[in-house]
């Protein structure tokens, strides 16, 4: 059974494309993308490292550790383990760095907005 939980005021994202929050012990990234707000887990599925320092460009977030890219709206993996520390790697070394893990999507959470407040379903 899901539970509707308050995250923040809409105004908290007025100048930021995304922001990290911990909601009832769950680390999430809340993002404003053109047509609305979206929430995804803040853990990269590659090694479980936090995405809170990830670069957001439009609807894409890039893992700051290994460069994996994800769609903030759907959680879909767009590119898996692209590099280390911002340096792109050749394909053969990308496979090594992936450590046998197959690309995975980010977990998404339904978002609703009411009276200037943002809620997610946990």
PDB file of N, CA and C in Angstrom:
ATOM      1  N   UNK A   1       0.840  -1.177   0.000  1.00  0.00           N
ATOM      2  CA  UNK A   1       0.000   0.000   0.000  1.00  0.00           C
ATOM      3  C   UNK A   1       0.885   1.239   0.000  1.00  0.00           C
ATOM      4  N   UNK A   2       0.612   2.177  -0.900  1.00  0.00           N
ATOM      5  CA  UNK A   2       1.429   3.387  -0.976  1.00  0.00           C
ATOM      6  C   UNK A   2       0.939   4.437   0.015  1.00  0.00           C
ATOM      7  N   UNK A   3       1.843   5.349   0.293  1.00  0.00           N
ATOM      8  CA  UNK A   3       1.575   6.389   1.270  1.00  0.00           C
ATOM      9  C   UNK A   3       1.999   7.729   0.678  1.00  0.00           C
ATOM     10  N   UNK A   4       1.131   8.720   0.697  1.00  0.00           N
ATOM     11  CA  UNK A   4       1.422  10.056   0.187  1.00  0.00           C
ATOM     12  C   UNK A   4       2.192  10.829   1.251  1.00  0.00           C
ATOM     13  N   UNK A   5       3.385  11.337   0.886  1.00  0.00           N
ATOM     14  CA  UNK A   5       4.264  11.996   1.837  1.00  0.00           C
ATOM     15  C   UNK A   5       4.686  13.369   1.309  1.00  0.00           C
ATOM     16  N   UNK A   6       4.591  14.384   2.164  1.00  0.00           N
ATOM     17  CA  UNK A   6       5.026  15.736   1.810  1.00  0.00           C
ATOM     18  C   UNK A   6       6.544  15.755   1.647  1.00  0.00           C
ATOM     19  N   UNK A   7       7.031  16.425   0.580  1.00  0.00           N
ATOM     20  CA  UNK A   7       8.470  16.540   0.350  1.00  0.00           C
ATOM     21  C   UNK A   7       8.932  17.968   0.569  1.00  0.00           C
ATOM     22  N   UNK A   8       8.327  18.924  -0.148  1.00  0.00           N
ATOM     23  CA  UNK A   8       8.771  20.309  -0.067  1.00  0.00           C
ATOM     24  C   UNK A   8       7.736  21.222  -0.719  1.00  0.00           C
ATOM     25  N   UNK A   9       7.985  22.500  -0.601  1.00  0.00           N
ATOM     26  CA  UNK A   9       7.167  23.497  -1.287  1.00  0.00           C
ATOM     27  C   UNK A   9       7.637  23.609  -2.742  1.00  0.00           C
ATOM     28  N   UNK A  10       6.742  23.915  -3.652  1.00  0.00           N
ATOM     29  CA  UNK A  10       7.097  24.115  -5.062  1.00  0.00           C
ATOM     30  C   UNK A  10       8.177  25.184  -5.183  1.00  0.00           C
ATOM     31  N   UNK A  11       8.112  26.206  -4.366  1.00  0.00           N
ATOM     32  CA  UNK A  11       9.081  27.308  -4.431  1.00  0.00           C
ATOM     33  C   UNK A  11      10.518  26.857  -4.164  1.00  0.00           C
ATOM     34  N   UNK A  12      10.714  25.724  -3.497  1.00  0.00           N
ATOM     35  CA  UNK A  12      12.066  25.238  -3.220  1.00  0.00           C
ATOM     36  C   UNK A  12      12.793  24.809  -4.495  1.00  0.00           C
ATOM     37  N   UNK A  13      12.032  24.554  -5.554  1.00  0.00           N
ATOM     38  CA  UNK A  13      12.630  24.170  -6.833  1.00  0.00           C
ATOM     39  C   UNK A  13      12.454  25.245  -7.891  1.00  0.00           C
ATOM     40  N   UNK A  14      12.160  26.463  -7.471  1.00  0.00           N
ATOM     41  CA  UNK A  14      11.902  27.528  -8.444  1.00  0.00           C
ATOM     42  C   UNK A  14      13.140  27.905  -9.244  1.00  0.00           C
ATOM     43  N   UNK A  15      14.324  27.775  -8.669  1.00  0.00           N
ATOM     44  CA  UNK A  15      15.550  28.137  -9.390  1.00  0.00           C
ATOM     45  C   UNK A  15      16.465  26.945  -9.636  1.00  0.00           C
ATOM     46  N   UNK A  16      16.092  25.771  -9.167  1.00  0.00           N
ATOM     47  CA  UNK A  16      16.924  24.575  -9.322  1.00  0.00           C
ATOM     48  C   UNK A  16      16.229  23.562 -10.227  1.00  0.00           C
ATOM     49  N   UNK A  17      16.989  22.870 -11.072  1.00  0.00           N
ATOM     50  CA  UNK A  17      16.353  21.824 -11.883  1.00  0.00           C
ATOM     51  C   UNK A  17      16.034  20.580 -11.054  1.00  0.00           C
ATOM     52  N   UNK A  18      16.823  20.359  -9.989  1.00  0.00           N
ATOM     53  CA  UNK A  18      16.615  19.173  -9.153  1.00  0.00           C
ATOM     54  C   UNK A  18      17.254  19.392  -7.790  1.00  0.00           C
ATOM     55  N   UNK A  19      16.764  18.627  -6.814  1.00  0.00           N
ATOM     56  CA  UNK A  19      17.293  18.731  -5.462  1.00  0.00           C
ATOM     57  C   UNK A  19      17.122  17.385  -4.769  1.00  0.00           C
ATOM     58  N   UNK A  20      18.089  17.048  -3.910  1.00  0.00           N
ATOM     59  CA  UNK A  20      18.026  15.791  -3.170  1.00  0.00           C
ATOM     60  C   UNK A  20      17.274  15.984  -1.860  1.00  0.00           C
ATOM     61  N   UNK A  21      16.507  14.978  -1.488  1.00  0.00           N
ATOM     62  CA  UNK A  21      15.752  14.977  -0.237  1.00  0.00           C
ATOM     63  C   UNK A  21      15.809  13.579   0.369  1.00  0.00           C
ATOM     64  N   UNK A  22      15.646  13.518   1.664  1.00  0.00           N
ATOM     65  CA  UNK A  22      15.435  12.234   2.337  1.00  0.00           C
ATOM     66  C   UNK A  22      14.022  12.287   2.910  1.00  0.00           C
ATOM     67  N   UNK A  23      13.194  11.364   2.462  1.00  0.00           N
ATOM     68  CA  UNK A  23      11.790  11.333   2.847  1.00  0.00           C
ATOM     69  C   UNK A  23      11.519   9.996   3.525  1.00  0.00           C
ATOM     70  N   UNK A  24      11.249  10.057   4.813  1.00  0.00           N
ATOM     71  CA  UNK A  24      11.000   8.853   5.600  1.00  0.00           C
ATOM     72  C   UNK A  24      12.082   7.798   5.376  1.00  0.00           C
ATOM     73  N   UNK A  25      13.330   8.265   5.389  1.00  0.00           N
ATOM     74  CA  UNK A  25      14.474   7.370   5.252  1.00  0.00           C
ATOM     75  C   UNK A  25      14.826   6.976   3.830  1.00  0.00           C
ATOM     76  N   UNK A  26      14.085   7.479   2.853  1.00  0.00           N
ATOM     77  CA  UNK A  26      14.333   7.162   1.454  1.00  0.00           C
ATOM     78  C   UNK A  26      14.987   8.366   0.783  1.00  0.00           C
ATOM     79  N   UNK A  27      16.166   8.151   0.178  1.00  0.00           N
ATOM     80  CA  UNK A  27      16.870   9.230  -0.528  1.00  0.00           C
ATOM     81  C   UNK A  27      16.311   9.336  -1.938  1.00  0.00           C
ATOM     82  N   UNK A  28      15.861  10.541  -2.285  1.00  0.00           N
ATOM     83  CA  UNK A  28      15.283  10.771  -3.618  1.00  0.00           C
ATOM     84  C   UNK A  28      15.899  12.018  -4.243  1.00  0.00           C
ATOM     85  N   UNK A  29      15.746  12.107  -5.553  1.00  0.00           N
ATOM     86  CA  UNK A  29      16.021  13.323  -6.312  1.00  0.00           C
ATOM     87  C   UNK A  29      14.667  13.785  -6.818  1.00  0.00           C
ATOM     88  N   UNK A  30      14.313  15.008  -6.494  1.00  0.00           N
ATOM     89  CA  UNK A  30      13.075  15.606  -6.979  1.00  0.00           C
ATOM     90  C   UNK A  30      13.470  16.598  -8.061  1.00  0.00           C
ATOM     91  N   UNK A  31      12.902  16.445  -9.250  1.00  0.00           N
ATOM     92  CA  UNK A  31      13.291  17.271 -10.390  1.00  0.00           C
ATOM     93  C   UNK A  31      12.099  17.981 -11.002  1.00  0.00           C
ATOM     94  N   UNK A  32      12.365  19.209 -11.435  1.00  0.00           N
ATOM     95  CA  UNK A  32      11.369  19.954 -12.217  1.00  0.00           C
ATOM     96  C   UNK A  32      11.783  19.807 -13.677  1.00  0.00           C
ATOM     97  N   UNK A  33      10.921  19.172 -14.445  1.00  0.00           N
ATOM     98  CA  UNK A  33      11.146  19.014 -15.873  1.00  0.00           C
ATOM     99  C   UNK A  33       9.960  19.661 -16.552  1.00  0.00           C
ATOM    100  N   UNK A  34      10.197  20.326 -17.649  1.00  0.00           N
ATOM    101  CA  UNK A  34       9.209  21.148 -18.340  1.00  0.00           C
ATOM    102  C   UNK A  34       7.765  20.992 -17.900  1.00  0.00           C
ATOM    103  N   UNK A  35       7.228  19.794 -18.017  1.00  0.00           N
ATOM    104  CA  UNK A  35       5.797  19.622 -17.782  1.00  0.00           C
ATOM    105  C   UNK A  35       5.423  19.202 -16.371  1.00  0.00           C
ATOM    106  N   UNK A  36       6.378  19.181 -15.463  1.00  0.00           N
ATOM    107  CA  UNK A  36       5.990  18.813 -14.104  1.00  0.00           C
ATOM    108  C   UNK A  36       7.156  18.412 -13.218  1.00  0.00           C
ATOM    109  N   UNK A  37       6.832  17.719 -12.143  1.00  0.00           N
ATOM    110  CA  UNK A  37       7.820  17.274 -11.171  1.00  0.00           C
ATOM    111  C   UNK A  37       7.923  15.751 -11.208  1.00  0.00           C
ATOM    112  N   UNK A  38       9.145  15.272 -11.023  1.00  0.00           N
ATOM    113  CA  UNK A  38       9.409  13.839 -11.062  1.00  0.00           C
ATOM    114  C   UNK A  38      10.336  13.483  -9.911  1.00  0.00           C
ATOM    115  N   UNK A  39      10.190  12.273  -9.393  1.00  0.00           N
ATOM    116  CA  UNK A  39      11.035  11.812  -8.297  1.00  0.00           C
ATOM    117  C   UNK A  39      11.616  10.451  -8.646  1.00  0.00           C
ATOM    118  N   UNK A  40      12.924  10.317  -8.402  1.00  0.00           N
ATOM    119  CA  UNK A  40      13.628   9.061  -8.614  1.00  0.00           C
ATOM    120  C   UNK A  40      14.496   8.787  -7.391  1.00  0.00           C
ATOM    121  N   UNK A  41      14.887   7.534  -7.234  1.00  0.00           N
ATOM    122  CA  UNK A  41      15.795   7.197  -6.151  1.00  0.00           C
ATOM    123  C   UNK A  41      17.119   7.932  -6.356  1.00  0.00           C
ATOM    124  N   UNK A  42      17.788   8.243  -5.271  1.00  0.00           N
ATOM    125  CA  UNK A  42      19.061   8.944  -5.358  1.00  0.00           C
ATOM    126  C   UNK A  42      20.236   7.972  -5.337  1.00  0.00           C
ATOM    127  N   UNK A  43      19.988   6.710  -5.618  1.00  0.00           N
ATOM    128  CA  UNK A  43      21.065   5.719  -5.643  1.00  0.00           C
ATOM    129  C   UNK A  43      21.251   5.193  -7.061  1.00  0.00           C
ATOM    130  N   UNK A  44      22.467   5.351  -7.573  1.00  0.00           N
ATOM    131  CA  UNK A  44      22.772   4.807  -8.895  1.00  0.00           C
ATOM    132  C   UNK A  44      22.748   3.286  -8.799  1.00  0.00           C
ATOM    133  N   UNK A  45      22.045   2.601  -9.693  1.00  0.00           N
ATOM    134  CA  UNK A  45      21.953   1.149  -9.610  1.00  0.00           C
ATOM    135  C   UNK A  45      23.265   0.429  -9.925  1.00  0.00           C
ATOM    136  N   UNK A  46      24.262   1.133 -10.434  1.00  0.00           N
ATOM    137  CA  UNK A  46      25.537   0.491 -10.734  1.00  0.00           C
ATOM    138  C   UNK A  46      26.222   0.017  -9.448  1.00  0.00           C
ATOM    139  N   UNK A  47      26.478   0.931  -8.495  1.00  0.00           N
ATOM    140  CA  UNK A  47      27.119   0.559  -7.234  1.00  0.00           C
ATOM    141  C   UNK A  47      26.394   1.109  -6.015  1.00  0.00           C
ATOM    142  N   UNK A  48      25.221   1.681  -6.223  1.00  0.00           N
ATOM    143  CA  UNK A  48      24.447   2.212  -5.102  1.00  0.00           C
ATOM    144  C   UNK A  48      24.967   3.535  -4.570  1.00  0.00           C
ATOM    145  N   UNK A  49      25.817   4.205  -5.334  1.00  0.00           N
ATOM    146  CA  UNK A  49      26.367   5.491  -4.898  1.00  0.00           C
ATOM    147  C   UNK A  49      25.330   6.597  -5.102  1.00  0.00           C
ATOM    148  N   UNK A  50      25.418   7.676  -4.312  1.00  0.00           N
ATOM    149  CA  UNK A  50      24.395   8.729  -4.373  1.00  0.00           C
ATOM    150  C   UNK A  50      24.454   9.553  -5.658  1.00  0.00           C
ATOM    151  N   UNK A  51      23.273   9.884  -6.148  1.00  0.00           N
ATOM    152  CA  UNK A  51      23.152  10.742  -7.331  1.00  0.00           C
ATOM    153  C   UNK A  51      22.973  12.209  -6.956  1.00  0.00           C
ATOM    154  N   UNK A  52      22.989  12.511  -5.668  1.00  0.00           N
ATOM    155  CA  UNK A  52      22.703  13.882  -5.227  1.00  0.00           C
ATOM    156  C   UNK A  52      23.654  14.920  -5.818  1.00  0.00           C
ATOM    157  N   UNK A  53      24.870  14.532  -6.170  1.00  0.00           N
ATOM    158  CA  UNK A  53      25.817  15.463  -6.791  1.00  0.00           C
ATOM    159  C   UNK A  53      25.842  15.300  -8.304  1.00  0.00           C
ATOM    160  N   UNK A  54      24.892  14.545  -8.826  1.00  0.00           N
ATOM    161  CA  UNK A  54      24.835  14.314 -10.268  1.00  0.00           C
ATOM    162  C   UNK A  54      24.488  15.567 -11.039  1.00  0.00           C
ATOM    163  N   UNK A  55      24.949  15.631 -12.278  1.00  0.00           N
ATOM    164  CA  UNK A  55      24.661  16.766 -13.156  1.00  0.00           C
ATOM    165  C   UNK A  55      23.303  16.547 -13.818  1.00  0.00           C
ATOM    166  N   UNK A  56      22.460  17.577 -13.735  1.00  0.00           N
ATOM    167  CA  UNK A  56      21.144  17.527 -14.365  1.00  0.00           C
ATOM    168  C   UNK A  56      21.155  18.431 -15.595  1.00  0.00           C
ATOM    169  N   UNK A  57      20.741  17.869 -16.727  1.00  0.00           N
ATOM    170  CA  UNK A  57      20.652  18.619 -17.973  1.00  0.00           C
ATOM    171  C   UNK A  57      19.320  18.258 -18.615  1.00  0.00           C
ATOM    172  N   UNK A  58      18.372  19.186 -18.526  1.00  0.00           N
ATOM    173  CA  UNK A  58      17.032  18.894 -19.030  1.00  0.00           C
ATOM    174  C   UNK A  58      16.395  17.810 -18.205  1.00  0.00           C
ATOM    175  N   UNK A  59      16.068  16.694 -18.854  1.00  0.00           N
ATOM    176  CA  UNK A  59      15.449  15.592 -18.119  1.00  0.00           C
ATOM    177  C   UNK A  59      16.422  14.444 -17.845  1.00  0.00           C
ATOM    178  N   UNK A  60      17.726  14.716 -17.990  1.00  0.00           N
ATOM    179  CA  UNK A  60      18.748  13.683 -17.808  1.00  0.00           C
ATOM    180  C   UNK A  60      19.610  14.000 -16.586  1.00  0.00           C
ATOM    181  N   UNK A  61      19.843  12.972 -15.751  1.00  0.00           N
ATOM    182  CA  UNK A  61      20.785  13.101 -14.645  1.00  0.00           C
ATOM    183  C   UNK A  61      21.941  12.145 -14.914  1.00  0.00           C
ATOM    184  N   UNK A  62      23.165  12.639 -14.669  1.00  0.00           N
ATOM    185  CA  UNK A  62      24.376  11.859 -14.885  1.00  0.00           C
ATOM    186  C   UNK A  62      25.017  11.549 -13.543  1.00  0.00           C
ATOM    187  N   UNK A  63      25.300  10.274 -13.314  1.00  0.00           N
ATOM    188  CA  UNK A  63      25.961   9.844 -12.081  1.00  0.00           C
ATOM    189  C   UNK A  63      27.347  10.502 -12.007  1.00  0.00           C
ATOM    190  N   UNK A  64      27.669  11.155 -10.886  1.00  0.00           N
ATOM    191  CA  UNK A  64      28.948  11.838 -10.776  1.00  0.00           C
ATOM    192  C   UNK A  64      30.139  10.881 -10.650  1.00  0.00           C
ATOM    193  N   UNK A  65      29.901   9.621 -10.413  1.00  0.00           N
ATOM    194  CA  UNK A  65      30.985   8.664 -10.196  1.00  0.00           C
ATOM    195  C   UNK A  65      31.378   7.900 -11.454  1.00  0.00           C
ATOM    196  N   UNK A  66      30.400   7.355 -12.172  1.00  0.00           N
ATOM    197  CA  UNK A  66      30.712   6.518 -13.333  1.00  0.00           C
ATOM    198  C   UNK A  66      30.013   6.971 -14.611  1.00  0.00           C
ATOM    199  N   UNK A  67      29.336   8.117 -14.567  1.00  0.00           N
ATOM    200  CA  UNK A  67      28.782   8.696 -15.781  1.00  0.00           C
ATOM    201  C   UNK A  67      27.535   8.055 -16.339  1.00  0.00           C
ATOM    202  N   UNK A  68      26.943   7.093 -15.636  1.00  0.00           N
ATOM    203  CA  UNK A  68      25.690   6.521 -16.135  1.00  0.00           C
ATOM    204  C   UNK A  68      24.642   7.625 -16.221  1.00  0.00           C
ATOM    205  N   UNK A  69      23.806   7.570 -17.243  1.00  0.00           N
ATOM    206  CA  UNK A  69      22.783   8.596 -17.435  1.00  0.00           C
ATOM    207  C   UNK A  69      21.394   7.982 -17.368  1.00  0.00           C
ATOM    208  N   UNK A  70      20.483   8.762 -16.771  1.00  0.00           N
ATOM    209  CA  UNK A  70      19.116   8.300 -16.562  1.00  0.00           C
ATOM    210  C   UNK A  70      18.122   9.395 -16.907  1.00  0.00           C
ATOM    211  N   UNK A  71      16.958   8.966 -17.408  1.00  0.00           N
ATOM    212  CA  UNK A  71      15.844   9.869 -17.679  1.00  0.00           C
ATOM    213  C   UNK A  71      15.129  10.127 -16.354  1.00  0.00           C
ATOM    214  N   UNK A  72      15.053  11.383 -15.935  1.00  0.00           N
ATOM    215  CA  UNK A  72      14.417  11.730 -14.661  1.00  0.00           C
ATOM    216  C   UNK A  72      12.902  11.495 -14.673  1.00  0.00           C
ATOM    217  N   UNK A  73      12.296  11.478 -15.849  1.00  0.00           N
ATOM    218  CA  UNK A  73      10.847  11.294 -15.930  1.00  0.00           C
ATOM    219  C   UNK A  73      10.446   9.826 -15.829  1.00  0.00           C
ATOM    220  N   UNK A  74      11.215   8.952 -16.458  1.00  0.00           N
ATOM    221  CA  UNK A  74      10.846   7.536 -16.495  1.00  0.00           C
ATOM    222  C   UNK A  74      11.776   6.642 -15.677  1.00  0.00           C
ATOM    223  N   UNK A  75      12.949   7.156 -15.322  1.00  0.00           N
ATOM    224  CA  UNK A  75      13.953   6.354 -14.633  1.00  0.00           C
ATOM    225  C   UNK A  75      14.805   5.537 -15.585  1.00  0.00           C
ATOM    226  N   UNK A  76      14.437   5.514 -16.874  1.00  0.00           N
ATOM    227  CA  UNK A  76      15.121   4.701 -17.877  1.00  0.00           C
ATOM    228  C   UNK A  76      16.621   4.991 -17.922  1.00  0.00           C
ATOM    229  N   UNK A  77      17.412   3.927 -18.048  1.00  0.00           N
ATOM    230  CA  UNK A  77      18.854   4.073 -18.237  1.00  0.00           C
ATOM    231  C   UNK A  77      19.102   4.476 -19.685  1.00  0.00           C
ATOM    232  N   UNK A  78      19.838   5.566 -19.879  1.00  0.00           N
ATOM    233  CA  UNK A  78      20.126   6.059 -21.217  1.00  0.00           C
ATOM    234  C   UNK A  78      21.536   5.698 -21.663  1.00  0.00           C
ATOM    235  N   UNK A  79      22.458   5.591 -20.726  1.00  0.00           N
ATOM    236  CA  UNK A  79      23.839   5.224 -21.023  1.00  0.00           C
ATOM    237  C   UNK A  79      24.452   4.667 -19.745  1.00  0.00           C
ATOM    238  N   UNK A  80      25.113   3.544 -19.841  1.00  0.00           N
ATOM    239  CA  UNK A  80      25.571   2.807 -18.663  1.00  0.00           C
ATOM    240  C   UNK A  80      27.081   2.908 -18.509  1.00  0.00           C
ATOM    241  N   UNK A  81      27.533   3.371 -17.382  1.00  0.00           N
ATOM    242  CA  UNK A  81      28.945   3.419 -17.000  1.00  0.00           C
ATOM    243  C   UNK A  81      29.802   3.983 -18.138  1.00  0.00           C
ATOM    244  N   UNK A  82      29.716   5.298 -18.298  1.00  0.00           N
ATOM    245  CA  UNK A  82      30.422   5.976 -19.389  1.00  0.00           C
ATOM    246  C   UNK A  82      31.860   6.321 -19.063  1.00  0.00           C
ATOM    247  N   UNK A  83      32.194   6.437 -17.784  1.00  0.00           N
ATOM    248  CA  UNK A  83      33.553   6.840 -17.447  1.00  0.00           C
ATOM    249  C   UNK A  83      33.756   6.934 -15.951  1.00  0.00           C
ATOM    250  N   UNK A  84      34.863   7.559 -15.576  1.00  0.00           N
ATOM    251  CA  UNK A  84      35.197   7.745 -14.167  1.00  0.00           C
ATOM    252  C   UNK A  84      35.568   9.203 -13.951  1.00  0.00           C
ATOM    253  N   UNK A  85      34.946   9.825 -12.959  1.00  0.00           N
ATOM    254  CA  UNK A  85      35.279  11.206 -12.616  1.00  0.00           C
ATOM    255  C   UNK A  85      35.162  12.177 -13.766  1.00  0.00           C
ATOM    256  N   UNK A  86      34.227  11.969 -14.655  1.00  0.00           N
ATOM    257  CA  UNK A  86      34.013  12.880 -15.775  1.00  0.00           C
ATOM    258  C   UNK A  86      34.827  12.545 -17.013  1.00  0.00           C
ATOM    259  N   UNK A  87      35.739  11.587 -16.924  1.00  0.00           N
ATOM    260  CA  UNK A  87      36.540  11.185 -18.082  1.00  0.00           C
ATOM    261  C   UNK A  87      35.851  10.028 -18.800  1.00  0.00           C
ATOM    262  N   UNK A  88      35.617  10.195 -20.094  1.00  0.00           N
ATOM    263  CA  UNK A  88      34.976   9.133 -20.869  1.00  0.00           C
ATOM    264  C   UNK A  88      35.976   8.015 -21.121  1.00  0.00           C
ATOM    265  N   UNK A  89      35.461   6.801 -21.120  1.00  0.00           N
ATOM    266  CA  UNK A  89      36.292   5.623 -21.317  1.00  0.00           C
ATOM    267  C   UNK A  89      35.943   4.924 -22.625  1.00  0.00           C
ATOM    268  N   UNK A  90      36.933   4.214 -23.226  1.00  0.00           N
ATOM    269  CA  UNK A  90      36.619   3.419 -24.420  1.00  0.00           C
ATOM    270  C   UNK A  90      35.687   2.268 -24.056  1.00  0.00           C
ATOM    271  N   UNK A  91      35.011   1.730 -25.051  1.00  0.00           N
ATOM    272  CA  UNK A  91      33.997   0.697 -24.837  1.00  0.00           C
ATOM    273  C   UNK A  91      34.523  -0.508 -24.054  1.00  0.00           C
ATOM    274  N   UNK A  92      35.708  -0.999 -24.364  1.00  0.00           N
ATOM    275  CA  UNK A  92      36.218  -2.196 -23.677  1.00  0.00           C
ATOM    276  C   UNK A  92      36.378  -1.943 -22.182  1.00  0.00           C
ATOM    277  N   UNK A  93      36.830  -0.743 -21.800  1.00  0.00           N
ATOM    278  CA  UNK A  93      37.018  -0.470 -20.375  1.00  0.00           C
ATOM    279  C   UNK A  93      35.689  -0.147 -19.695  1.00  0.00           C
ATOM    280  N   UNK A  94      34.726   0.330 -20.453  1.00  0.00           N
ATOM    281  CA  UNK A  94      33.387   0.553 -19.894  1.00  0.00           C
ATOM    282  C   UNK A  94      32.801  -0.777 -19.430  1.00  0.00           C
ATOM    283  N   UNK A  95      32.998  -1.814 -20.224  1.00  0.00           N
ATOM    284  CA  UNK A  95      32.492  -3.140 -19.858  1.00  0.00           C
ATOM    285  C   UNK A  95      33.168  -3.648 -18.591  1.00  0.00           C
ATOM    286  N   UNK A  96      34.474  -3.392 -18.458  1.00  0.00           N
ATOM    287  CA  UNK A  96      35.185  -3.790 -17.235  1.00  0.00           C
ATOM    288  C   UNK A  96      34.648  -3.043 -16.028  1.00  0.00           C
ATOM    289  N   UNK A  97      34.490  -1.736 -16.160  1.00  0.00           N
ATOM    290  CA  UNK A  97      34.023  -0.905 -15.059  1.00  0.00           C
ATOM    291  C   UNK A  97      32.591  -1.266 -14.653  1.00  0.00           C
ATOM    292  N   UNK A  98      31.804  -1.752 -15.599  1.00  0.00           N
ATOM    293  CA  UNK A  98      30.427  -2.157 -15.284  1.00  0.00           C
ATOM    294  C   UNK A  98      30.408  -3.377 -14.360  1.00  0.00           C
ATOM    295  N   UNK A  99      31.511  -4.083 -14.281  1.00  0.00           N
ATOM    296  CA  UNK A  99      31.667  -5.229 -13.388  1.00  0.00           C
ATOM    297  C   UNK A  99      30.575  -6.279 -13.584  1.00  0.00           C
ATOM    298  N   UNK A 100      30.191  -6.491 -14.832  1.00  0.00           N
ATOM    299  CA  UNK A 100      29.209  -7.518 -15.139  1.00  0.00           C
ATOM    300  C   UNK A 100      27.767  -7.121 -14.884  1.00  0.00           C
ATOM    301  N   UNK A 101      27.557  -5.928 -14.337  1.00  0.00           N
ATOM    302  CA  UNK A 101      26.182  -5.494 -14.072  1.00  0.00           C
ATOM    303  C   UNK A 101      25.536  -4.991 -15.359  1.00  0.00           C
ATOM    304  N   UNK A 102      24.330  -5.416 -15.574  1.00  0.00           N
ATOM    305  CA  UNK A 102      23.572  -4.961 -16.742  1.00  0.00           C
ATOM    306  C   UNK A 102      22.903  -3.630 -16.413  1.00  0.00           C
ATOM    307  N   UNK A 103      22.678  -2.799 -17.430  1.00  0.00           N
ATOM    308  CA  UNK A 103      22.011  -1.512 -17.193  1.00  0.00           C
ATOM    309  C   UNK A 103      20.666  -1.691 -16.490  1.00  0.00           C
ATOM    310  N   UNK A 104      20.429  -0.834 -15.525  1.00  0.00           N
ATOM    311  CA  UNK A 104      19.167  -0.841 -14.783  1.00  0.00           C
ATOM    312  C   UNK A 104      18.588   0.566 -14.752  1.00  0.00           C
ATOM    313  N   UNK A 105      17.285   0.626 -14.617  1.00  0.00           N
ATOM    314  CA  UNK A 105      16.592   1.911 -14.488  1.00  0.00           C
ATOM    315  C   UNK A 105      16.611   2.362 -13.026  1.00  0.00           C
ATOM    316  N   UNK A 106      16.375   3.638 -12.814  1.00  0.00           N
ATOM    317  CA  UNK A 106      16.182   4.170 -11.470  1.00  0.00           C
ATOM    318  C   UNK A 106      14.751   3.903 -11.033  1.00  0.00           C
ATOM    319  N   UNK A 107      14.563   3.681  -9.763  1.00  0.00           N
ATOM    320  CA  UNK A 107      13.208   3.567  -9.238  1.00  0.00           C
ATOM    321  C   UNK A 107      12.564   4.946  -9.288  1.00  0.00           C
ATOM    322  N   UNK A 108      11.330   5.005  -9.722  1.00  0.00           N
ATOM    323  CA  UNK A 108      10.591   6.266  -9.777  1.00  0.00           C
ATOM    324  C   UNK A 108       9.497   6.263  -8.719  1.00  0.00           C
ATOM    325  N   UNK A 109       9.051   7.460  -8.360  1.00  0.00           N
ATOM    326  CA  UNK A 109       7.980   7.617  -7.373  1.00  0.00           C
ATOM    327  C   UNK A 109       6.943   8.576  -7.957  1.00  0.00           C
ATOM    328  N   UNK A 110       5.662   8.233  -7.873  1.00  0.00           N
ATOM    329  CA  UNK A 110       4.622   9.149  -8.335  1.00  0.00           C
ATOM    330  C   UNK A 110       4.670  10.456  -7.536  1.00  0.00           C
ATOM    331  N   UNK A 111       4.497  11.562  -8.241  1.00  0.00           N
ATOM    332  CA  UNK A 111       4.539  12.895  -7.635  1.00  0.00           C
ATOM    333  C   UNK A 111       3.200  13.572  -7.841  1.00  0.00           C
ATOM    334  N   UNK A 112       2.749  14.289  -6.824  1.00  0.00           N
ATOM    335  CA  UNK A 112       1.547  15.116  -6.963  1.00  0.00           C
ATOM    336  C   UNK A 112       1.824  16.475  -6.344  1.00  0.00           C
ATOM    337  N   UNK A 113       1.105  17.470  -6.842  1.00  0.00           N
ATOM    338  CA  UNK A 113       1.252  18.834  -6.344  1.00  0.00           C
ATOM    339  C   UNK A 113      -0.128  19.336  -5.941  1.00  0.00           C
ATOM    340  N   UNK A 114      -0.201  19.912  -4.740  1.00  0.00           N
ATOM    341  CA  UNK A 114      -1.459  20.478  -4.261  1.00  0.00           C
ATOM    342  C   UNK A 114      -1.145  21.675  -3.373  1.00  0.00           C
ATOM    343  N   UNK A 115      -1.797  22.791  -3.659  1.00  0.00           N
ATOM    344  CA  UNK A 115      -1.652  23.999  -2.846  1.00  0.00           C
ATOM    345  C   UNK A 115      -0.196  24.418  -2.666  1.00  0.00           C
ATOM    346  N   UNK A 116       0.601  24.313  -3.753  1.00  0.00           N
ATOM    347  CA  UNK A 116       1.995  24.741  -3.684  1.00  0.00           C
ATOM    348  C   UNK A 116       2.916  23.782  -2.967  1.00  0.00           C
ATOM    349  N   UNK A 117       2.430  22.582  -2.648  1.00  0.00           N
ATOM    350  CA  UNK A 117       3.235  21.591  -1.946  1.00  0.00           C
ATOM    351  C   UNK A 117       3.433  20.368  -2.849  1.00  0.00           C
ATOM    352  N   UNK A 118       4.623  19.766  -2.754  1.00  0.00           N
ATOM    353  CA  UNK A 118       4.952  18.586  -3.556  1.00  0.00           C
ATOM    354  C   UNK A 118       4.934  17.357  -2.657  1.00  0.00           C
ATOM    355  N   UNK A 119       4.249  16.322  -3.142  1.00  0.00           N
ATOM    356  CA  UNK A 119       4.130  15.057  -2.415  1.00  0.00           C
ATOM    357  C   UNK A 119       4.631  13.922  -3.317  1.00  0.00           C
ATOM    358  N   UNK A 120       5.124  12.859  -2.701  1.00  0.00           N
ATOM    359  CA  UNK A 120       5.432  11.650  -3.447  1.00  0.00           C
ATOM    360  C   UNK A 120       4.709  10.484  -2.795  1.00  0.00           C
ATOM    361  N   UNK A 121       4.540   9.436  -3.580  1.00  0.00           N
ATOM    362  CA  UNK A 121       3.942   8.190  -3.087  1.00  0.00           C
ATOM    363  C   UNK A 121       5.059   7.225  -2.772  1.00  0.00           C
ATOM    364  N   UNK A 122       5.110   6.788  -1.539  1.00  0.00           N
ATOM    365  CA  UNK A 122       6.115   5.782  -1.122  1.00  0.00           C
ATOM    366  C   UNK A 122       5.436   4.442  -0.946  1.00  0.00           C
TER     367      UNK A 122
END
